[in-house]
PDB file of N, CA and C in Angstrom:
ATOM      1  N   MET A   1     167.706  -6.290 107.578  1.00  0.00           N
ATOM      2  CA  MET A   1     168.486  -5.162 107.103  1.00  0.00           C
ATOM      3  C   MET A   1     169.954  -5.571 107.060  1.00  0.00           C
ATOM      4  N   LYS A   2     170.611  -5.212 106.001  1.00  0.00           N
ATOM      5  CA  LYS A   2     172.021  -5.537 105.865  1.00  0.00           C
ATOM      6  C   LYS A   2     172.872  -4.450 106.504  1.00  0.00           C
ATOM      7  N   ASP A   3     174.051  -4.849 106.962  1.00  0.00           N
ATOM      8  CA  ASP A   3     174.941  -3.902 107.619  1.00  0.00           C
ATOM      9  C   ASP A   3     175.636  -2.969 106.629  1.00  0.00           C
ATOM     10  N   PHE A   4     176.025  -3.509 105.471  1.00  0.00           N
ATOM     11  CA  PHE A   4     176.719  -2.720 104.465  1.00  0.00           C
ATOM     12  C   PHE A   4     175.840  -2.537 103.243  1.00  0.00           C
ATOM     13  N   ASP A   5     175.765  -1.305 102.758  1.00  0.00           N
ATOM     14  CA  ASP A   5     175.058  -0.999 101.517  1.00  0.00           C
ATOM     15  C   ASP A   5     176.098  -0.416 100.564  1.00  0.00           C
ATOM     16  N   PHE A   6     176.635  -1.272  99.707  1.00  0.00           N
ATOM     17  CA  PHE A   6     177.710  -0.842  98.823  1.00  0.00           C
ATOM     18  C   PHE A   6     177.208   0.046  97.688  1.00  0.00           C
ATOM     19  N   LYS A   7     175.937  -0.038  97.361  1.00  0.00           N
ATOM     20  CA  LYS A   7     175.368   0.824  96.324  1.00  0.00           C
ATOM     21  C   LYS A   7     175.365   2.277  96.784  1.00  0.00           C
ATOM     22  N   ASN A   8     175.005   2.497  98.057  1.00  0.00           N
ATOM     23  CA  ASN A   8     174.946   3.856  98.599  1.00  0.00           C
ATOM     24  C   ASN A   8     176.141   4.203  99.485  1.00  0.00           C
ATOM     25  N   ASN A   9     177.106   3.267  99.601  1.00  0.00           N
ATOM     26  CA  ASN A   9     178.308   3.472 100.417  1.00  0.00           C
ATOM     27  C   ASN A   9     177.973   3.861 101.852  1.00  0.00           C
ATOM     28  N   THR A  10     177.132   3.047 102.498  1.00  0.00           N
ATOM     29  CA  THR A  10     176.769   3.308 103.882  1.00  0.00           C
ATOM     30  C   THR A  10     176.936   2.052 104.734  1.00  0.00           C
ATOM     31  N   LYS A  11     177.066   2.265 106.025  1.00  0.00           N
ATOM     32  CA  LYS A  11     177.162   1.197 107.016  1.00  0.00           C
ATOM     33  C   LYS A  11     176.093   1.474 108.061  1.00  0.00           C
ATOM     34  N   THR A  12     175.257   0.478 108.327  1.00  0.00           N
ATOM     35  CA  THR A  12     174.200   0.618 109.322  1.00  0.00           C
ATOM     36  C   THR A  12     174.653   0.003 110.636  1.00  0.00           C
ATOM     37  N   LEU A  13     174.583   0.782 111.702  1.00  0.00           N
ATOM     38  CA  LEU A  13     174.937   0.323 113.050  1.00  0.00           C
ATOM     39  C   LEU A  13     173.638   0.180 113.834  1.00  0.00           C
ATOM     40  N   ASN A  14     173.197  -1.062 113.999  1.00  0.00           N
ATOM     41  CA  ASN A  14     171.919  -1.298 114.677  1.00  0.00           C
ATOM     42  C   ASN A  14     172.010  -2.457 115.663  1.00  0.00           C
ATOM     43  N   LYS A  15     173.233  -2.782 116.076  1.00  0.00           N
ATOM     44  CA  LYS A  15     173.458  -3.862 117.030  1.00  0.00           C
ATOM     45  C   LYS A  15     174.510  -3.428 118.046  1.00  0.00           C
ATOM     46  N   THR A  16     174.519  -4.109 119.170  1.00  0.00           N
ATOM     47  CA  THR A  16     175.549  -3.897 120.180  1.00  0.00           C
ATOM     48  C   THR A  16     176.081  -5.259 120.601  1.00  0.00           C
ATOM     49  N   TRP A  17     177.282  -5.282 121.124  1.00  0.00           N
ATOM     50  CA  TRP A  17     177.893  -6.541 121.569  1.00  0.00           C
ATOM     51  C   TRP A  17     177.671  -6.678 123.073  1.00  0.00           C
ATOM     52  N   GLY A  18     177.211  -7.845 123.516  1.00  0.00           N
ATOM     53  CA  GLY A  18     176.987  -8.094 124.942  1.00  0.00           C
ATOM     54  C   GLY A  18     178.304  -8.328 125.656  1.00  0.00           C
ATOM     55  N   TYR A  19     178.936  -7.259 126.122  1.00  0.00           N
ATOM     56  CA  TYR A  19     180.268  -7.350 126.729  1.00  0.00           C
ATOM     57  C   TYR A  19     180.233  -7.348 128.256  1.00  0.00           C
ATOM     58  N   ALA A  20     179.157  -6.864 128.834  1.00  0.00           N
ATOM     59  CA  ALA A  20     179.089  -6.780 130.294  1.00  0.00           C
ATOM     60  C   ALA A  20     178.752  -8.145 130.890  1.00  0.00           C
ATOM     61  N   LYS A  21     179.133  -8.353 132.128  1.00  0.00           N
ATOM     62  CA  LYS A  21     178.877  -9.634 132.793  1.00  0.00           C
ATOM     63  C   LYS A  21     177.388  -9.924 132.912  1.00  0.00           C
ATOM     64  N   LYS A  22     176.571  -8.878 133.006  1.00  0.00           N
ATOM     65  CA  LYS A  22     175.132  -9.096 133.154  1.00  0.00           C
ATOM     66  C   LYS A  22     174.442  -9.476 131.838  1.00  0.00           C
ATOM     67  N   HIS A  23     175.156  -9.352 130.705  1.00  0.00           N
ATOM     68  CA  HIS A  23     174.610  -9.723 129.399  1.00  0.00           C
ATOM     69  C   HIS A  23     175.421 -10.888 128.832  1.00  0.00           C
ATOM     70  N   SER A  24     174.757 -11.743 128.100  1.00  0.00           N
ATOM     71  CA  SER A  24     175.493 -12.824 127.440  1.00  0.00           C
ATOM     72  C   SER A  24     176.266 -12.254 126.250  1.00  0.00           C
ATOM     73  N   GLU A  25     177.358 -12.936 125.884  1.00  0.00           N
ATOM     74  CA  GLU A  25     178.127 -12.492 124.731  1.00  0.00           C
ATOM     75  C   GLU A  25     177.313 -12.695 123.468  1.00  0.00           C
ATOM     76  N   GLY A  26     177.556 -11.843 122.502  1.00  0.00           N
ATOM     77  CA  GLY A  26     176.872 -11.953 121.221  1.00  0.00           C
ATOM     78  C   GLY A  26     176.213 -10.631 120.862  1.00  0.00           C
ATOM     79  N   PHE A  27     175.786 -10.549 119.614  1.00  0.00           N
ATOM     80  CA  PHE A  27     175.115  -9.343 119.154  1.00  0.00           C
ATOM     81  C   PHE A  27     173.680  -9.319 119.650  1.00  0.00           C
ATOM     82  N   ARG A  28     173.221  -8.111 119.973  1.00  0.00           N
ATOM     83  CA  ARG A  28     171.857  -7.913 120.431  1.00  0.00           C
ATOM     84  C   ARG A  28     171.385  -6.545 119.940  1.00  0.00           C
ATOM     85  N   PRO A  29     170.110  -6.273 119.970  1.00  0.00           N
ATOM     86  CA  PRO A  29     169.620  -4.958 119.525  1.00  0.00           C
ATOM     87  C   PRO A  29     170.152  -3.844 120.428  1.00  0.00           C
ATOM     88  N   THR A  30     170.184  -2.647 119.899  1.00  0.00           N
ATOM     89  CA  THR A  30     170.594  -1.497 120.695  1.00  0.00           C
ATOM     90  C   THR A  30     169.537  -1.204 121.761  1.00  0.00           C
ATOM     91  N   LYS A  31     169.895  -0.406 122.750  1.00  0.00           N
ATOM     92  CA  LYS A  31     168.972  -0.099 123.848  1.00  0.00           C
ATOM     93  C   LYS A  31     167.739   0.656 123.363  1.00  0.00           C
ATOM     94  N   ASN A  32     167.926   1.556 122.395  1.00  0.00           N
ATOM     95  CA  ASN A  32     166.801   2.353 121.901  1.00  0.00           C
ATOM     96  C   ASN A  32     167.042   2.749 120.445  1.00  0.00           C
ATOM     97  N   GLU A  33     166.032   3.259 119.796  1.00  0.00           N
ATOM     98  CA  GLU A  33     166.118   3.641 118.381  1.00  0.00           C
ATOM     99  C   GLU A  33     167.143   4.749 118.140  1.00  0.00           C
ATOM    100  N   ALA A  34     167.351   5.627 119.105  1.00  0.00           N
ATOM    101  CA  ALA A  34     168.295   6.733 118.942  1.00  0.00           C
ATOM    102  C   ALA A  34     169.734   6.232 118.826  1.00  0.00           C
ATOM    103  N   SER A  35     169.991   5.006 119.263  1.00  0.00           N
ATOM    104  CA  SER A  35     171.335   4.437 119.178  1.00  0.00           C
ATOM    105  C   SER A  35     171.665   3.912 117.786  1.00  0.00           C
ATOM    106  N   ASN A  36     170.660   3.707 116.948  1.00  0.00           N
ATOM    107  CA  ASN A  36     170.892   3.217 115.590  1.00  0.00           C
ATOM    108  C   ASN A  36     171.465   4.335 114.734  1.00  0.00           C
ATOM    109  N   ARG A  37     172.421   3.992 113.888  1.00  0.00           N
ATOM    110  CA  ARG A  37     173.098   4.981 113.046  1.00  0.00           C
ATOM    111  C   ARG A  37     173.309   4.417 111.644  1.00  0.00           C
ATOM    112  N   THR A  38     173.361   5.296 110.675  1.00  0.00           N
ATOM    113  CA  THR A  38     173.810   4.962 109.327  1.00  0.00           C
ATOM    114  C   THR A  38     174.912   5.950 109.002  1.00  0.00           C
ATOM    115  N   ILE A  39     176.103   5.417 108.682  1.00  0.00           N
ATOM    116  CA  ILE A  39     177.238   6.273 108.402  1.00  0.00           C
ATOM    117  C   ILE A  39     177.700   6.072 106.960  1.00  0.00           C
ATOM    118  N   LYS A  40     178.279   7.087 106.396  1.00  0.00           N
ATOM    119  CA  LYS A  40     178.813   7.044 105.039  1.00  0.00           C
ATOM    120  C   LYS A  40     180.195   6.424 105.066  1.00  0.00           C
ATOM    121  N   ILE A  41     180.476   5.520 104.129  1.00  0.00           N
ATOM    122  CA  ILE A  41     181.808   4.949 104.002  1.00  0.00           C
ATOM    123  C   ILE A  41     182.394   5.367 102.654  1.00  0.00           C
ATOM    124  N   GLU A  42     183.701   5.464 102.604  1.00  0.00           N
ATOM    125  CA  GLU A  42     184.361   5.861 101.362  1.00  0.00           C
ATOM    126  C   GLU A  42     185.332   4.803 100.926  1.00  0.00           C
TER     127      GLU A  42
END
C-alpha cells in the first residue's frame, strides 16, 4: 500500500516510528488496526 494517493488526495497512516528505547529505530506496523488512518490532503 502506498502512503500517498494523489488521485484521491489522501494520505494513509499505517506505520509508527520506533522511538522508545525498548524498540529499535525505524518504521514498524501500528499496534492495532484501529491505529491505521486515511486522511484527506488538499
